[in-house]
Amino acid sequence: MHQKAAQWIVGLLGDRSIPYLICGGLAAKGYGSTRELNDIDLFVPGEHFQCVVQAGEDYISKASDHYREEGWDLTYVQFQYDGIKVEVGNADGSKILDAGSQTWIPLNIDFSRYNTVHLLGLELHVMLKEDLIKYKTALSRSVDLEDIRVIG
């Protein structure tokens, strides 16, 4: 099921030459995590965010807006494609809550820092392992700690 959703979003981005960076559980899978995927999480540069929202408007399940929830402070949109949640974040100004210091820290997404990995039958741009571990360490939710144990 995740394969169809990944094909959809990567195709939508590729057709428009929009750079992206897969993060979260799918990126962790690229480095050996075996846990069940909850959704597909990725970032796009701010200047392309509205284009993505408009291109995927038929699949929006949570409106594009600024949210501060579950350790995240960012603008994102959630799509539902073939029963799978696809969350696309605007990289500009995105922050996460550092669980240790209880302070909001910038994510500083760098679209030039990625690995291309073969996942779900696709070549995907995933966050570099060291960057993924850094942000998952800051968040320190149980799923993040599980991923770090496996991929670290």
N, C-alpha and C. Protein backbone atom coordinates (compact mmCIF):
# COMPACT_ATOMS: atom_id res chain seq x y z
N MET A 1 0.82 -1.21 0.00
CA MET A 1 0.00 0.00 0.00
C MET A 1 0.85 1.26 0.00
N HIS A 2 1.93 1.27 0.78
CA HIS A 2 2.80 2.44 0.82
C HIS A 2 3.45 2.69 -0.54
N GLN A 3 3.64 1.63 -1.32
CA GLN A 3 4.29 1.78 -2.62
C GLN A 3 3.48 2.68 -3.55
N LYS A 4 2.16 2.49 -3.61
CA LYS A 4 1.33 3.32 -4.48
C LYS A 4 1.36 4.79 -4.04
N ALA A 5 1.30 5.01 -2.73
CA ALA A 5 1.33 6.38 -2.22
C ALA A 5 2.69 7.03 -2.51
N ALA A 6 3.77 6.27 -2.34
CA ALA A 6 5.10 6.80 -2.62
C ALA A 6 5.25 7.10 -4.11
N GLN A 7 4.76 6.21 -4.96
CA GLN A 7 4.82 6.44 -6.41
C GLN A 7 4.05 7.71 -6.76
N TRP A 8 2.89 7.89 -6.13
CA TRP A 8 2.06 9.05 -6.42
C TRP A 8 2.78 10.35 -6.08
N ILE A 9 3.29 10.46 -4.84
CA ILE A 9 3.89 11.73 -4.41
C ILE A 9 5.21 11.98 -5.13
N VAL A 10 6.03 10.96 -5.32
CA VAL A 10 7.31 11.16 -6.01
C VAL A 10 7.06 11.50 -7.48
N GLY A 11 6.03 10.91 -8.08
CA GLY A 11 5.66 11.25 -9.46
C GLY A 11 5.18 12.68 -9.57
N LEU A 12 4.34 13.09 -8.61
CA LEU A 12 3.82 14.46 -8.59
C LEU A 12 4.97 15.46 -8.50
N LEU A 13 5.94 15.18 -7.63
CA LEU A 13 7.08 16.06 -7.45
C LEU A 13 8.01 16.03 -8.67
N GLY A 14 8.26 14.84 -9.18
CA GLY A 14 9.14 14.68 -10.34
C GLY A 14 8.60 15.39 -11.56
N ASP A 15 7.30 15.28 -11.80
CA ASP A 15 6.67 15.93 -12.95
C ASP A 15 6.86 17.44 -12.90
N ARG A 16 7.03 18.00 -11.71
CA ARG A 16 7.16 19.44 -11.52
C ARG A 16 8.59 19.86 -11.18
N SER A 17 9.52 18.89 -11.23
CA SER A 17 10.94 19.14 -10.90
C SER A 17 11.10 19.78 -9.52
N ILE A 18 10.34 19.29 -8.55
CA ILE A 18 10.40 19.81 -7.19
C ILE A 18 11.32 18.91 -6.35
N PRO A 19 12.37 19.49 -5.76
CA PRO A 19 13.23 18.70 -4.89
C PRO A 19 12.47 18.29 -3.63
N TYR A 20 12.85 17.17 -3.06
CA TYR A 20 12.20 16.69 -1.83
C TYR A 20 13.21 15.92 -1.01
N LEU A 21 12.85 15.71 0.24
CA LEU A 21 13.69 14.93 1.14
C LEU A 21 12.78 14.09 2.02
N ILE A 22 12.89 12.77 1.88
CA ILE A 22 12.11 11.84 2.70
C ILE A 22 12.75 11.79 4.09
N CYS A 23 11.92 11.87 5.12
CA CYS A 23 12.41 11.76 6.50
C CYS A 23 11.55 10.72 7.21
N GLY A 24 11.61 10.69 8.51
CA GLY A 24 10.74 9.80 9.28
C GLY A 24 11.00 8.32 9.05
N GLY A 25 9.94 7.54 9.25
CA GLY A 25 10.05 6.08 9.20
C GLY A 25 10.51 5.52 7.87
N LEU A 26 10.07 6.14 6.78
CA LEU A 26 10.48 5.64 5.46
C LEU A 26 11.98 5.85 5.25
N ALA A 27 12.50 6.99 5.67
CA ALA A 27 13.95 7.22 5.59
C ALA A 27 14.69 6.20 6.46
N ALA A 28 14.17 5.95 7.65
CA ALA A 28 14.80 4.97 8.55
C ALA A 28 14.82 3.59 7.89
N LYS A 29 13.76 3.25 7.15
CA LYS A 29 13.73 1.97 6.42
C LYS A 29 14.88 1.89 5.42
N GLY A 30 15.23 3.03 4.84
CA GLY A 30 16.34 3.07 3.90
C GLY A 30 17.67 2.72 4.54
N TYR A 31 17.73 2.81 5.85
CA TYR A 31 18.95 2.48 6.59
C TYR A 31 18.80 1.23 7.45
N GLY A 32 17.74 0.45 7.19
CA GLY A 32 17.62 -0.85 7.84
C GLY A 32 16.53 -1.01 8.86
N SER A 33 15.77 0.02 9.17
CA SER A 33 14.67 -0.12 10.12
C SER A 33 13.63 -1.09 9.56
N THR A 34 13.05 -1.88 10.43
CA THR A 34 12.07 -2.87 9.98
C THR A 34 10.69 -2.62 10.57
N ARG A 35 10.53 -1.55 11.34
CA ARG A 35 9.23 -1.32 11.96
C ARG A 35 8.18 -0.96 10.90
N GLU A 36 6.93 -1.18 11.26
CA GLU A 36 5.81 -0.87 10.38
C GLU A 36 5.74 0.63 10.11
N LEU A 37 5.52 1.00 8.86
CA LEU A 37 5.38 2.41 8.51
C LEU A 37 4.01 2.93 8.91
N ASN A 38 3.98 4.12 9.50
CA ASN A 38 2.71 4.77 9.81
C ASN A 38 2.24 5.62 8.63
N ASP A 39 3.19 6.30 8.00
CA ASP A 39 2.87 7.24 6.93
C ASP A 39 4.13 7.51 6.13
N ILE A 40 4.03 8.43 5.20
CA ILE A 40 5.19 8.86 4.42
C ILE A 40 5.38 10.34 4.73
N ASP A 41 6.57 10.68 5.22
CA ASP A 41 6.89 12.06 5.60
C ASP A 41 8.00 12.59 4.70
N LEU A 42 7.81 13.82 4.22
CA LEU A 42 8.85 14.44 3.41
C LEU A 42 8.74 15.95 3.48
N PHE A 43 9.83 16.59 3.08
CA PHE A 43 9.88 18.04 3.02
C PHE A 43 10.13 18.48 1.58
N VAL A 44 9.62 19.67 1.26
CA VAL A 44 9.92 20.35 0.00
C VAL A 44 10.34 21.78 0.34
N PRO A 45 11.10 22.42 -0.55
CA PRO A 45 11.46 23.82 -0.30
C PRO A 45 10.22 24.70 -0.26
N GLY A 46 10.28 25.73 0.55
CA GLY A 46 9.14 26.63 0.73
C GLY A 46 8.57 27.19 -0.55
N GLU A 47 9.44 27.53 -1.50
CA GLU A 47 8.94 28.14 -2.73
C GLU A 47 8.11 27.17 -3.59
N HIS A 48 8.18 25.88 -3.28
CA HIS A 48 7.41 24.88 -4.05
C HIS A 48 6.21 24.34 -3.28
N PHE A 49 6.09 24.73 -2.01
CA PHE A 49 5.07 24.12 -1.15
C PHE A 49 3.65 24.30 -1.69
N GLN A 50 3.28 25.52 -2.05
CA GLN A 50 1.91 25.77 -2.53
C GLN A 50 1.61 25.01 -3.81
N CYS A 51 2.61 24.84 -4.66
CA CYS A 51 2.45 24.07 -5.88
C CYS A 51 2.08 22.62 -5.55
N VAL A 52 2.74 22.05 -4.53
CA VAL A 52 2.45 20.68 -4.11
C VAL A 52 1.03 20.59 -3.55
N VAL A 53 0.65 21.56 -2.73
CA VAL A 53 -0.70 21.59 -2.15
C VAL A 53 -1.74 21.60 -3.27
N GLN A 54 -1.54 22.48 -4.24
CA GLN A 54 -2.51 22.59 -5.35
C GLN A 54 -2.53 21.33 -6.21
N ALA A 55 -1.36 20.78 -6.49
CA ALA A 55 -1.28 19.59 -7.35
C ALA A 55 -1.96 18.37 -6.70
N GLY A 56 -1.92 18.30 -5.38
CA GLY A 56 -2.50 17.14 -4.68
C GLY A 56 -3.84 17.42 -4.05
N GLU A 57 -4.49 18.54 -4.43
CA GLU A 57 -5.69 18.99 -3.72
C GLU A 57 -6.81 17.95 -3.63
N ASP A 58 -6.91 17.05 -4.59
CA ASP A 58 -7.96 16.04 -4.55
C ASP A 58 -7.75 15.02 -3.44
N TYR A 59 -6.57 14.99 -2.86
CA TYR A 59 -6.24 13.98 -1.84
C TYR A 59 -5.99 14.58 -0.46
N ILE A 60 -6.25 15.87 -0.28
CA ILE A 60 -5.98 16.52 1.01
C ILE A 60 -6.90 15.95 2.10
N SER A 61 -6.28 15.51 3.21
CA SER A 61 -7.04 15.02 4.36
C SER A 61 -6.85 15.91 5.59
N LYS A 62 -5.83 16.77 5.55
CA LYS A 62 -5.60 17.76 6.60
C LYS A 62 -5.06 18.99 5.90
N ALA A 63 -5.79 20.09 6.01
CA ALA A 63 -5.50 21.30 5.23
C ALA A 63 -4.10 21.84 5.48
N SER A 64 -3.55 22.45 4.46
CA SER A 64 -2.27 23.12 4.56
C SER A 64 -2.40 24.26 5.57
N ASP A 65 -1.56 24.22 6.60
CA ASP A 65 -1.60 25.24 7.64
C ASP A 65 -0.34 25.12 8.48
N HIS A 66 -0.17 26.07 9.39
CA HIS A 66 0.93 25.98 10.35
C HIS A 66 0.43 25.23 11.57
N TYR A 67 1.16 24.19 11.95
CA TYR A 67 0.78 23.37 13.10
C TYR A 67 1.94 23.31 14.09
N ARG A 68 1.59 23.26 15.36
CA ARG A 68 2.56 23.00 16.42
C ARG A 68 1.98 21.87 17.24
N GLU A 69 2.50 20.66 17.00
CA GLU A 69 1.93 19.46 17.62
C GLU A 69 2.96 18.33 17.64
N GLU A 70 2.89 17.48 18.63
CA GLU A 70 3.70 16.27 18.72
C GLU A 70 5.18 16.51 18.44
N GLY A 71 5.71 17.63 18.96
CA GLY A 71 7.13 17.90 18.80
C GLY A 71 7.50 18.60 17.50
N TRP A 72 6.49 18.97 16.73
CA TRP A 72 6.74 19.62 15.43
C TRP A 72 6.14 21.02 15.44
N ASP A 73 6.82 21.96 14.81
CA ASP A 73 6.34 23.33 14.63
C ASP A 73 6.66 23.68 13.18
N LEU A 74 5.66 23.52 12.30
CA LEU A 74 5.90 23.70 10.88
C LEU A 74 4.60 23.86 10.11
N THR A 75 4.74 24.24 8.86
CA THR A 75 3.62 24.29 7.94
C THR A 75 3.65 23.01 7.13
N TYR A 76 2.53 22.31 7.09
CA TYR A 76 2.48 21.09 6.29
C TYR A 76 1.06 20.82 5.81
N VAL A 77 0.98 19.89 4.89
CA VAL A 77 -0.29 19.41 4.37
C VAL A 77 -0.28 17.90 4.46
N GLN A 78 -1.43 17.33 4.73
CA GLN A 78 -1.53 15.87 4.78
C GLN A 78 -2.46 15.41 3.65
N PHE A 79 -1.96 14.47 2.88
CA PHE A 79 -2.76 13.84 1.85
C PHE A 79 -3.10 12.43 2.29
N GLN A 80 -4.16 11.90 1.74
CA GLN A 80 -4.52 10.49 1.94
C GLN A 80 -4.57 9.89 0.54
N TYR A 81 -3.65 8.96 0.26
CA TYR A 81 -3.62 8.35 -1.06
C TYR A 81 -3.65 6.83 -0.89
N ASP A 82 -4.65 6.20 -1.44
CA ASP A 82 -4.79 4.74 -1.35
C ASP A 82 -4.72 4.27 0.10
N GLY A 83 -5.35 5.05 1.00
CA GLY A 83 -5.41 4.67 2.41
C GLY A 83 -4.17 5.01 3.23
N ILE A 84 -3.18 5.65 2.61
CA ILE A 84 -1.92 5.96 3.28
C ILE A 84 -1.79 7.48 3.46
N LYS A 85 -1.40 7.90 4.67
CA LYS A 85 -1.14 9.31 4.92
C LYS A 85 0.21 9.70 4.32
N VAL A 86 0.21 10.81 3.59
CA VAL A 86 1.44 11.38 3.03
C VAL A 86 1.50 12.81 3.55
N GLU A 87 2.50 13.09 4.38
CA GLU A 87 2.63 14.41 4.98
C GLU A 87 3.81 15.14 4.35
N VAL A 88 3.49 16.29 3.74
CA VAL A 88 4.51 17.09 3.06
C VAL A 88 4.70 18.39 3.83
N GLY A 89 5.90 18.58 4.32
CA GLY A 89 6.22 19.77 5.10
C GLY A 89 6.92 20.83 4.27
N ASN A 90 6.65 22.07 4.62
CA ASN A 90 7.36 23.21 4.06
C ASN A 90 8.64 23.34 4.87
N ALA A 91 9.77 23.19 4.23
CA ALA A 91 11.05 23.19 4.95
C ALA A 91 11.37 24.54 5.59
N ASP A 92 10.84 25.62 5.01
CA ASP A 92 11.16 26.96 5.51
C ASP A 92 10.63 27.15 6.94
N GLY A 93 11.54 27.44 7.86
CA GLY A 93 11.16 27.75 9.23
C GLY A 93 10.70 26.57 10.07
N SER A 94 10.86 25.36 9.57
CA SER A 94 10.39 24.19 10.34
C SER A 94 11.28 23.96 11.56
N LYS A 95 10.63 23.60 12.67
CA LYS A 95 11.33 23.36 13.93
C LYS A 95 10.81 22.07 14.56
N ILE A 96 11.65 21.52 15.43
CA ILE A 96 11.25 20.37 16.25
C ILE A 96 11.56 20.69 17.70
N LEU A 97 10.84 20.01 18.58
CA LEU A 97 11.06 20.19 20.02
C LEU A 97 12.15 19.25 20.48
N ASP A 98 13.23 19.81 20.99
CA ASP A 98 14.30 19.01 21.55
C ASP A 98 13.83 18.49 22.90
N ALA A 99 13.63 17.19 22.98
CA ALA A 99 13.06 16.59 24.19
C ALA A 99 13.95 16.80 25.41
N GLY A 100 15.25 16.85 25.20
CA GLY A 100 16.17 17.03 26.31
C GLY A 100 16.11 18.42 26.91
N SER A 101 16.18 19.44 26.07
CA SER A 101 16.21 20.82 26.56
C SER A 101 14.84 21.48 26.59
N GLN A 102 13.84 20.83 26.01
CA GLN A 102 12.48 21.39 25.90
C GLN A 102 12.48 22.74 25.19
N THR A 103 13.35 22.86 24.17
CA THR A 103 13.39 24.08 23.36
C THR A 103 13.13 23.71 21.91
N TRP A 104 12.58 24.68 21.18
CA TRP A 104 12.34 24.48 19.75
C TRP A 104 13.63 24.77 18.99
N ILE A 105 14.04 23.82 18.16
CA ILE A 105 15.26 23.99 17.38
C ILE A 105 14.94 23.90 15.89
N PRO A 106 15.63 24.71 15.08
CA PRO A 106 15.37 24.67 13.64
C PRO A 106 15.84 23.36 13.03
N LEU A 107 15.08 22.87 12.04
CA LEU A 107 15.48 21.65 11.35
C LEU A 107 16.55 21.89 10.30
N ASN A 108 16.56 23.08 9.68
CA ASN A 108 17.58 23.40 8.68
C ASN A 108 17.70 22.31 7.61
N ILE A 109 16.62 22.04 6.92
CA ILE A 109 16.60 21.03 5.87
C ILE A 109 17.49 21.50 4.70
N ASP A 110 18.44 20.66 4.33
CA ASP A 110 19.35 20.96 3.23
C ASP A 110 19.10 19.93 2.13
N PHE A 111 18.50 20.39 1.03
CA PHE A 111 18.10 19.48 -0.04
C PHE A 111 19.27 18.93 -0.85
N SER A 112 20.48 19.43 -0.58
CA SER A 112 21.65 18.88 -1.25
C SER A 112 22.23 17.70 -0.46
N ARG A 113 21.73 17.50 0.76
CA ARG A 113 22.23 16.41 1.62
C ARG A 113 21.21 15.27 1.66
N TYR A 114 21.43 14.29 0.78
CA TYR A 114 20.53 13.13 0.75
C TYR A 114 21.25 11.91 0.21
N ASN A 115 20.68 10.77 0.45
CA ASN A 115 21.10 9.52 -0.19
C ASN A 115 19.96 9.08 -1.08
N THR A 116 20.30 8.51 -2.20
CA THR A 116 19.29 7.90 -3.05
C THR A 116 19.26 6.42 -2.71
N VAL A 117 18.12 5.96 -2.23
CA VAL A 117 17.98 4.55 -1.84
C VAL A 117 16.82 3.91 -2.61
N HIS A 118 16.95 2.62 -2.83
CA HIS A 118 15.89 1.87 -3.51
C HIS A 118 14.93 1.33 -2.45
N LEU A 119 13.73 1.89 -2.43
CA LEU A 119 12.69 1.50 -1.48
C LEU A 119 11.35 1.49 -2.19
N LEU A 120 10.49 0.56 -1.84
CA LEU A 120 9.14 0.49 -2.39
C LEU A 120 9.15 0.52 -3.92
N GLY A 121 10.18 -0.05 -4.51
CA GLY A 121 10.28 -0.11 -5.96
C GLY A 121 10.67 1.20 -6.61
N LEU A 122 11.12 2.16 -5.82
CA LEU A 122 11.46 3.49 -6.33
C LEU A 122 12.86 3.90 -5.87
N GLU A 123 13.45 4.84 -6.61
CA GLU A 123 14.68 5.48 -6.16
C GLU A 123 14.25 6.75 -5.42
N LEU A 124 14.47 6.78 -4.11
CA LEU A 124 13.99 7.88 -3.27
C LEU A 124 15.13 8.68 -2.68
N HIS A 125 14.94 10.00 -2.57
CA HIS A 125 15.90 10.87 -1.90
C HIS A 125 15.56 10.89 -0.42
N VAL A 126 16.40 10.26 0.38
CA VAL A 126 16.16 10.22 1.82
C VAL A 126 17.21 11.04 2.56
N MET A 127 16.79 11.58 3.69
CA MET A 127 17.67 12.36 4.55
C MET A 127 18.92 11.53 4.87
N LEU A 128 20.08 12.19 4.90
CA LEU A 128 21.31 11.49 5.27
C LEU A 128 21.15 10.86 6.65
N LYS A 129 21.77 9.71 6.82
CA LYS A 129 21.64 8.96 8.07
C LYS A 129 22.00 9.81 9.28
N GLU A 130 23.10 10.56 9.20
CA GLU A 130 23.53 11.36 10.36
C GLU A 130 22.51 12.46 10.68
N ASP A 131 21.90 13.05 9.65
CA ASP A 131 20.88 14.08 9.86
C ASP A 131 19.61 13.47 10.45
N LEU A 132 19.24 12.29 9.95
CA LEU A 132 18.06 11.59 10.45
C LEU A 132 18.24 11.23 11.93
N ILE A 133 19.40 10.70 12.27
CA ILE A 133 19.67 10.33 13.67
C ILE A 133 19.66 11.57 14.56
N LYS A 134 20.21 12.66 14.05
CA LYS A 134 20.26 13.91 14.84
C LYS A 134 18.83 14.39 15.17
N TYR A 135 17.95 14.42 14.17
CA TYR A 135 16.61 14.93 14.44
C TYR A 135 15.78 13.92 15.23
N LYS A 136 15.98 12.63 15.00
CA LYS A 136 15.25 11.63 15.78
C LYS A 136 15.73 11.62 17.24
N THR A 137 17.01 11.91 17.46
CA THR A 137 17.54 12.01 18.83
C THR A 137 16.90 13.20 19.54
N ALA A 138 16.78 14.32 18.85
CA ALA A 138 16.17 15.51 19.45
C ALA A 138 14.71 15.22 19.82
N LEU A 139 13.95 14.63 18.91
CA LEU A 139 12.54 14.34 19.19
C LEU A 139 12.38 13.30 20.30
N SER A 140 13.17 12.24 20.22
CA SER A 140 13.21 11.18 21.25
C SER A 140 11.86 10.55 21.58
N ARG A 141 10.96 10.47 20.60
CA ARG A 141 9.72 9.71 20.81
C ARG A 141 10.07 8.23 20.74
N SER A 142 9.19 7.37 21.20
CA SER A 142 9.51 5.94 21.22
C SER A 142 9.85 5.41 19.82
N VAL A 143 9.11 5.85 18.78
CA VAL A 143 9.42 5.38 17.43
C VAL A 143 10.79 5.87 16.98
N ASP A 144 11.16 7.08 17.39
CA ASP A 144 12.47 7.63 17.03
C ASP A 144 13.59 6.83 17.69
N LEU A 145 13.42 6.55 18.97
CA LEU A 145 14.44 5.79 19.70
C LEU A 145 14.58 4.38 19.14
N GLU A 146 13.45 3.79 18.73
CA GLU A 146 13.50 2.45 18.12
C GLU A 146 14.28 2.51 16.81
N ASP A 147 14.01 3.51 15.97
CA ASP A 147 14.73 3.66 14.71
C ASP A 147 16.23 3.85 14.95
N ILE A 148 16.58 4.71 15.91
CA ILE A 148 17.98 4.98 16.20
C ILE A 148 18.70 3.70 16.64
N ARG A 149 18.04 2.88 17.47
CA ARG A 149 18.65 1.62 17.92
C ARG A 149 18.99 0.74 16.73
N VAL A 150 18.10 0.68 15.75
CA VAL A 150 18.30 -0.22 14.61
C VAL A 150 19.29 0.34 13.60
N ILE A 151 19.19 1.62 13.28
CA ILE A 151 20.01 2.18 12.21
C ILE A 151 21.32 2.79 12.70
N GLY A 152 21.39 3.10 14.02
CA GLY A 152 22.54 3.80 14.59
C GLY A 152 23.82 3.08 14.38
